[in-house]
Amino acid sequence: MHHYSYREYLALEEISNVKHEFLDGEIYAMTGSSVMHAGLTAVVSGMLLQQLRYGPCRVFSSDLRVRVLATGLATYPDVSIICGEPELDPESKHTITNPRVVVEVSSKSTERYDRGLKLQHYQKIPTLGAVVLVSQRAQRIEVWSRGPDDAWTSRVSGPGEVADIPAIECTLRVDEVYR
């Protein structure tokens, strides 16, 4: 099995019309999104954009690649939020390394990865204050937050509840996200 270098991965991304994730020398094609996935991503982006529009944080779409320098994972979260200036990957001016929050809309096929290994990678980003996991299968938003002691805790919000994202002082009303 061929193991790719990060530079080889970046060269592929430059010419590809499909997004890929990179980890441990392997390149994985990312699947296209469903109608539900695209809709949830747009709603969450819009809600966060409204709350952050006058502050120092900016909301980015899944076109922005994020790299976890500690582990080498390069991926495209559904939504990324950067507070302050973007810090670019030393090897790619199209990749950032300092998200404050990432959002993943999980499907049946990605939920285990998003809540497991991918979450573990994300938690190694020093600037990251929260990972928001939005379920496609149920009205469920899980927010993983980094505390002042660097420990991560999670809170799940369901119908009629509000998901708090303390890292950016924003909220997501579950019923509105899934309306």
C-alpha atoms as a PDB file:
ATOM      1  CA  MET A   1       0.000   0.000   0.000  1.00  0.00           C
ATOM      2  CA  HIS A   2       1.377   3.421  -0.981  1.00  0.00           C
ATOM      3  CA  HIS A   3       1.725   6.003   1.764  1.00  0.00           C
ATOM      4  CA  TYR A   4       1.405   9.544   0.523  1.00  0.00           C
ATOM      5  CA  SER A   5       3.277  12.540   1.830  1.00  0.00           C
ATOM      6  CA  TYR A   6       1.343  15.600   2.894  1.00  0.00           C
ATOM      7  CA  ARG A   7       2.806  17.436  -0.117  1.00  0.00           C
ATOM      8  CA  GLU A   8       1.480  14.723  -2.463  1.00  0.00           C
ATOM      9  CA  TYR A   9      -1.937  15.100  -0.832  1.00  0.00           C
ATOM     10  CA  LEU A  10      -1.864  18.881  -1.319  1.00  0.00           C
ATOM     11  CA  ALA A  11      -0.907  18.437  -4.987  1.00  0.00           C
ATOM     12  CA  LEU A  12      -3.873  16.093  -5.471  1.00  0.00           C
ATOM     13  CA  GLU A  13      -6.234  18.570  -3.798  1.00  0.00           C
ATOM     14  CA  GLU A  14      -5.086  21.318  -6.171  1.00  0.00           C
ATOM     15  CA  ILE A  15      -6.278  19.385  -9.237  1.00  0.00           C
ATOM     16  CA  SER A  16      -9.182  17.387  -7.826  1.00  0.00           C
ATOM     17  CA  ASN A  17     -12.847  18.328  -8.068  1.00  0.00           C
ATOM     18  CA  VAL A  18     -13.519  16.109  -5.020  1.00  0.00           C
ATOM     19  CA  LYS A  19     -12.418  16.944  -1.464  1.00  0.00           C
ATOM     20  CA  HIS A  20     -10.177  14.474   0.337  1.00  0.00           C
ATOM     21  CA  GLU A  21      -9.191  13.931   3.935  1.00  0.00           C
ATOM     22  CA  PHE A  22      -5.560  13.109   4.776  1.00  0.00           C
ATOM     23  CA  LEU A  23      -4.323  11.057   7.729  1.00  0.00           C
ATOM     24  CA  ASP A  24      -1.268   8.885   8.333  1.00  0.00           C
ATOM     25  CA  GLY A  25      -0.221   8.802   4.679  1.00  0.00           C
ATOM     26  CA  GLU A  26      -3.682   7.806   3.473  1.00  0.00           C
ATOM     27  CA  ILE A  27      -5.998   9.893   1.304  1.00  0.00           C
ATOM     28  CA  TYR A  28      -9.741   9.410   1.692  1.00  0.00           C
ATOM     29  CA  ALA A  29     -12.350  10.825  -0.688  1.00  0.00           C
ATOM     30  CA  MET A  30     -15.060  12.678   1.193  1.00  0.00           C
ATOM     31  CA  THR A  31     -18.587  11.766   0.187  1.00  0.00           C
ATOM     32  CA  GLY A  32     -21.043  14.275  -1.188  1.00  0.00           C
ATOM     33  CA  SER A  33     -23.680  15.527   1.174  1.00  0.00           C
ATOM     34  CA  SER A  34     -27.368  14.701   1.287  1.00  0.00           C
ATOM     35  CA  VAL A  35     -30.150  17.270   1.127  1.00  0.00           C
ATOM     36  CA  MET A  36     -30.580  16.983   4.917  1.00  0.00           C
ATOM     37  CA  HIS A  37     -26.834  17.417   5.498  1.00  0.00           C
ATOM     38  CA  ALA A  38     -26.594  20.476   3.255  1.00  0.00           C
ATOM     39  CA  GLY A  39     -29.684  22.018   4.858  1.00  0.00           C
ATOM     40  CA  LEU A  40     -28.484  21.517   8.429  1.00  0.00           C
ATOM     41  CA  THR A  41     -25.061  22.891   7.549  1.00  0.00           C
ATOM     42  CA  ALA A  42     -26.606  26.019   6.003  1.00  0.00           C
ATOM     43  CA  VAL A  43     -28.937  26.614   8.949  1.00  0.00           C
ATOM     44  CA  VAL A  44     -26.194  26.223  11.548  1.00  0.00           C
ATOM     45  CA  SER A  45     -23.843  28.482   9.548  1.00  0.00           C
ATOM     46  CA  GLY A  46     -26.529  31.129   9.244  1.00  0.00           C
ATOM     47  CA  MET A  47     -27.426  31.050  12.930  1.00  0.00           C
ATOM     48  CA  LEU A  48     -23.795  31.352  13.989  1.00  0.00           C
ATOM     49  CA  LEU A  49     -23.109  34.064  11.424  1.00  0.00           C
ATOM     50  CA  GLN A  50     -25.981  36.154  12.790  1.00  0.00           C
ATOM     51  CA  GLN A  51     -24.636  35.903  16.322  1.00  0.00           C
ATOM     52  CA  LEU A  52     -20.997  36.586  15.400  1.00  0.00           C
ATOM     53  CA  ARG A  53     -21.359  39.244  12.704  1.00  0.00           C
ATOM     54  CA  TYR A  54     -20.144  42.204  14.789  1.00  0.00           C
ATOM     55  CA  GLY A  55     -17.364  40.474  16.706  1.00  0.00           C
ATOM     56  CA  PRO A  56     -13.852  39.200  16.059  1.00  0.00           C
ATOM     57  CA  CYS A  57     -14.958  35.727  14.941  1.00  0.00           C
ATOM     58  CA  ARG A  58     -15.726  34.645  11.369  1.00  0.00           C
ATOM     59  CA  VAL A  59     -17.752  31.717  10.069  1.00  0.00           C
ATOM     60  CA  PHE A  60     -16.358  29.601   7.219  1.00  0.00           C
ATOM     61  CA  SER A  61     -17.930  26.939   5.011  1.00  0.00           C
ATOM     62  CA  SER A  62     -16.721  23.421   4.333  1.00  0.00           C
ATOM     63  CA  ASP A  63     -14.496  24.817   1.586  1.00  0.00           C
ATOM     64  CA  LEU A  64     -11.935  25.729   4.251  1.00  0.00           C
ATOM     65  CA  ARG A  65      -9.436  22.985   5.033  1.00  0.00           C
ATOM     66  CA  VAL A  66      -8.288  22.551   8.639  1.00  0.00           C
ATOM     67  CA  ARG A  67      -5.096  20.761   9.653  1.00  0.00           C
ATOM     68  CA  VAL A  68      -4.392  19.320  13.075  1.00  0.00           C
ATOM     69  CA  LEU A  69      -0.647  19.892  13.302  1.00  0.00           C
ATOM     70  CA  ALA A  70      -0.262  17.524  16.275  1.00  0.00           C
ATOM     71  CA  THR A  71      -1.637  14.521  14.371  1.00  0.00           C
ATOM     72  CA  GLY A  72      -1.414  15.463  10.693  1.00  0.00           C
ATOM     73  CA  LEU A  73      -5.149  15.169  10.000  1.00  0.00           C
ATOM     74  CA  ALA A  74      -6.245  17.481   7.195  1.00  0.00           C
ATOM     75  CA  THR A  75      -9.999  17.709   6.698  1.00  0.00           C
ATOM     76  CA  TYR A  76     -12.903  19.958   5.787  1.00  0.00           C
ATOM     77  CA  PRO A  77     -15.283  20.524   8.728  1.00  0.00           C
ATOM     78  CA  ASP A  78     -18.835  21.434   7.729  1.00  0.00           C
ATOM     79  CA  VAL A  79     -18.418  24.782   9.504  1.00  0.00           C
ATOM     80  CA  SER A  80     -15.284  26.362  10.981  1.00  0.00           C
ATOM     81  CA  ILE A  81     -15.068  29.474  13.123  1.00  0.00           C
ATOM     82  CA  ILE A  82     -11.879  31.466  13.508  1.00  0.00           C
ATOM     83  CA  CYS A  83     -11.533  34.241  16.078  1.00  0.00           C
ATOM     84  CA  GLY A  84      -8.835  36.733  15.166  1.00  0.00           C
ATOM     85  CA  GLU A  85      -6.419  36.239  12.310  1.00  0.00           C
ATOM     86  CA  PRO A  86      -6.246  32.898  10.506  1.00  0.00           C
ATOM     87  CA  GLU A  87      -3.061  30.939  11.167  1.00  0.00           C
ATOM     88  CA  LEU A  88      -1.985  29.167   8.002  1.00  0.00           C
ATOM     89  CA  ASP A  89      -0.481  25.723   7.770  1.00  0.00           C
ATOM     90  CA  PRO A  90       3.270  26.151   7.165  1.00  0.00           C
ATOM     91  CA  GLU A  91       2.922  23.873   4.121  1.00  0.00           C
ATOM     92  CA  SER A  92      -0.286  25.260   2.616  1.00  0.00           C
ATOM     93  CA  LYS A  93      -1.627  28.785   2.346  1.00  0.00           C
ATOM     94  CA  HIS A  94      -5.106  27.294   1.765  1.00  0.00           C
ATOM     95  CA  THR A  95      -5.238  25.482   5.113  1.00  0.00           C
ATOM     96  CA  ILE A  96      -5.781  26.919   8.576  1.00  0.00           C
ATOM     97  CA  THR A  97      -4.580  25.533  11.888  1.00  0.00           C
ATOM     98  CA  ASN A  98      -6.404  27.703  14.436  1.00  0.00           C
ATOM     99  CA  PRO A  99     -10.151  27.160  14.423  1.00  0.00           C
ATOM    100  CA  ARG A 100     -11.952  28.214  17.604  1.00  0.00           C
ATOM    101  CA  VAL A 101     -14.956  25.988  16.826  1.00  0.00           C
ATOM    102  CA  VAL A 102     -15.647  23.251  14.284  1.00  0.00           C
ATOM    103  CA  VAL A 103     -19.059  21.853  13.406  1.00  0.00           C
ATOM    104  CA  GLU A 104     -19.671  18.422  11.915  1.00  0.00           C
ATOM    105  CA  VAL A 105     -23.086  17.353  10.649  1.00  0.00           C
ATOM    106  CA  SER A 106     -23.068  13.604  11.224  1.00  0.00           C
ATOM    107  CA  SER A 107     -24.856  11.043   9.096  1.00  0.00           C
ATOM    108  CA  LYS A 108     -25.411   7.375   9.838  1.00  0.00           C
ATOM    109  CA  SER A 109     -22.184   6.550   7.993  1.00  0.00           C
ATOM    110  CA  THR A 110     -20.012   9.277   9.614  1.00  0.00           C
ATOM    111  CA  GLU A 111     -21.402   9.533  13.144  1.00  0.00           C
ATOM    112  CA  ARG A 112     -19.081   6.961  14.715  1.00  0.00           C
ATOM    113  CA  TYR A 113     -15.985   8.557  13.161  1.00  0.00           C
ATOM    114  CA  ASP A 114     -17.113  12.132  13.931  1.00  0.00           C
ATOM    115  CA  ARG A 115     -17.816  11.295  17.597  1.00  0.00           C
ATOM    116  CA  GLY A 116     -14.720   9.096  17.971  1.00  0.00           C
ATOM    117  CA  LEU A 117     -11.408   9.335  16.163  1.00  0.00           C
ATOM    118  CA  LYS A 118     -12.069  12.640  14.390  1.00  0.00           C
ATOM    119  CA  LEU A 119     -13.151  14.249  17.667  1.00  0.00           C
ATOM    120  CA  GLN A 120      -9.923  13.019  19.296  1.00  0.00           C
ATOM    121  CA  HIS A 121      -7.898  14.641  16.518  1.00  0.00           C
ATOM    122  CA  TYR A 122      -9.788  17.919  16.779  1.00  0.00           C
ATOM    123  CA  GLN A 123      -9.244  18.043  20.545  1.00  0.00           C
ATOM    124  CA  LYS A 124      -5.488  18.300  19.912  1.00  0.00           C
ATOM    125  CA  ILE A 125      -5.864  21.735  18.269  1.00  0.00           C
ATOM    126  CA  PRO A 126      -4.647  24.203  20.926  1.00  0.00           C
ATOM    127  CA  THR A 127      -6.993  27.039  19.853  1.00  0.00           C
ATOM    128  CA  LEU A 128     -10.093  24.869  19.663  1.00  0.00           C
ATOM    129  CA  GLY A 129     -12.705  25.637  22.294  1.00  0.00           C
ATOM    130  CA  ALA A 130     -15.581  23.505  21.016  1.00  0.00           C
ATOM    131  CA  VAL A 131     -16.617  20.762  18.628  1.00  0.00           C
ATOM    132  CA  VAL A 132     -20.304  20.811  17.699  1.00  0.00           C
ATOM    133  CA  LEU A 133     -21.833  17.572  16.413  1.00  0.00           C
ATOM    134  CA  VAL A 134     -25.200  17.971  14.705  1.00  0.00           C
ATOM    135  CA  SER A 135     -27.058  14.714  14.062  1.00  0.00           C
ATOM    136  CA  GLN A 136     -28.937  14.023  10.842  1.00  0.00           C
ATOM    137  CA  ARG A 137     -30.725  11.069  12.406  1.00  0.00           C
ATOM    138  CA  ALA A 138     -32.322  12.765  15.417  1.00  0.00           C
ATOM    139  CA  GLN A 139     -32.925  16.258  16.774  1.00  0.00           C
ATOM    140  CA  ARG A 140     -29.663  16.153  18.687  1.00  0.00           C
ATOM    141  CA  ILE A 141     -26.813  18.619  19.032  1.00  0.00           C
ATOM    142  CA  GLU A 142     -23.778  17.593  21.060  1.00  0.00           C
ATOM    143  CA  VAL A 143     -21.308  20.276  22.107  1.00  0.00           C
ATOM    144  CA  TRP A 144     -17.869  19.224  23.285  1.00  0.00           C
ATOM    145  CA  SER A 145     -16.261  22.131  25.184  1.00  0.00           C
ATOM    146  CA  ARG A 146     -12.720  22.599  26.447  1.00  0.00           C
ATOM    147  CA  GLY A 147     -12.632  23.836  30.028  1.00  0.00           C
ATOM    148  CA  PRO A 148     -10.064  26.136  31.619  1.00  0.00           C
ATOM    149  CA  ASP A 149      -8.230  23.044  32.881  1.00  0.00           C
ATOM    150  CA  ASP A 150      -8.002  21.749  29.266  1.00  0.00           C
ATOM    151  CA  ALA A 151     -10.465  18.933  30.069  1.00  0.00           C
ATOM    152  CA  TRP A 152     -13.238  18.250  27.549  1.00  0.00           C
ATOM    153  CA  THR A 153     -16.868  17.813  28.552  1.00  0.00           C
ATOM    154  CA  SER A 154     -19.938  17.225  26.436  1.00  0.00           C
ATOM    155  CA  ARG A 155     -23.536  18.314  26.663  1.00  0.00           C
ATOM    156  CA  VAL A 156     -26.312  16.922  24.487  1.00  0.00           C
ATOM    157  CA  SER A 157     -29.332  19.073  23.644  1.00  0.00           C
ATOM    158  CA  GLY A 158     -32.557  17.757  22.156  1.00  0.00           C
ATOM    159  CA  PRO A 159     -36.009  19.018  21.148  1.00  0.00           C
ATOM    160  CA  GLY A 160     -37.084  22.139  23.029  1.00  0.00           C
ATOM    161  CA  GLU A 161     -33.558  22.767  24.295  1.00  0.00           C
ATOM    162  CA  VAL A 162     -30.753  25.189  23.499  1.00  0.00           C
ATOM    163  CA  ALA A 163     -27.206  24.073  22.730  1.00  0.00           C
ATOM    164  CA  ASP A 164     -24.729  26.479  24.324  1.00  0.00           C
ATOM    165  CA  ILE A 165     -21.325  27.038  22.721  1.00  0.00           C
ATOM    166  CA  PRO A 166     -19.408  28.931  25.431  1.00  0.00           C
ATOM    167  CA  ALA A 167     -16.188  29.160  23.378  1.00  0.00           C
ATOM    168  CA  ILE A 168     -17.853  31.748  21.126  1.00  0.00           C
ATOM    169  CA  GLU A 169     -20.770  32.790  23.378  1.00  0.00           C
ATOM    170  CA  CYS A 170     -23.338  31.486  20.900  1.00  0.00           C
ATOM    171  CA  THR A 171     -26.370  29.241  21.118  1.00  0.00           C
ATOM    172  CA  LEU A 172     -28.260  26.977  18.759  1.00  0.00           C
ATOM    173  CA  ARG A 173     -31.961  26.432  19.411  1.00  0.00           C
ATOM    174  CA  VAL A 174     -32.496  22.779  18.526  1.00  0.00           C
ATOM    175  CA  ASP A 175     -36.059  23.247  17.279  1.00  0.00           C
ATOM    176  CA  GLU A 176     -34.958  26.084  14.951  1.00  0.00           C
ATOM    177  CA  VAL A 177     -32.020  24.080  13.573  1.00  0.00           C
ATOM    178  CA  TYR A 178     -34.337  21.207  12.660  1.00  0.00           C
ATOM    179  CA  ARG A 179     -37.377  23.267  11.581  1.00  0.00           C
END
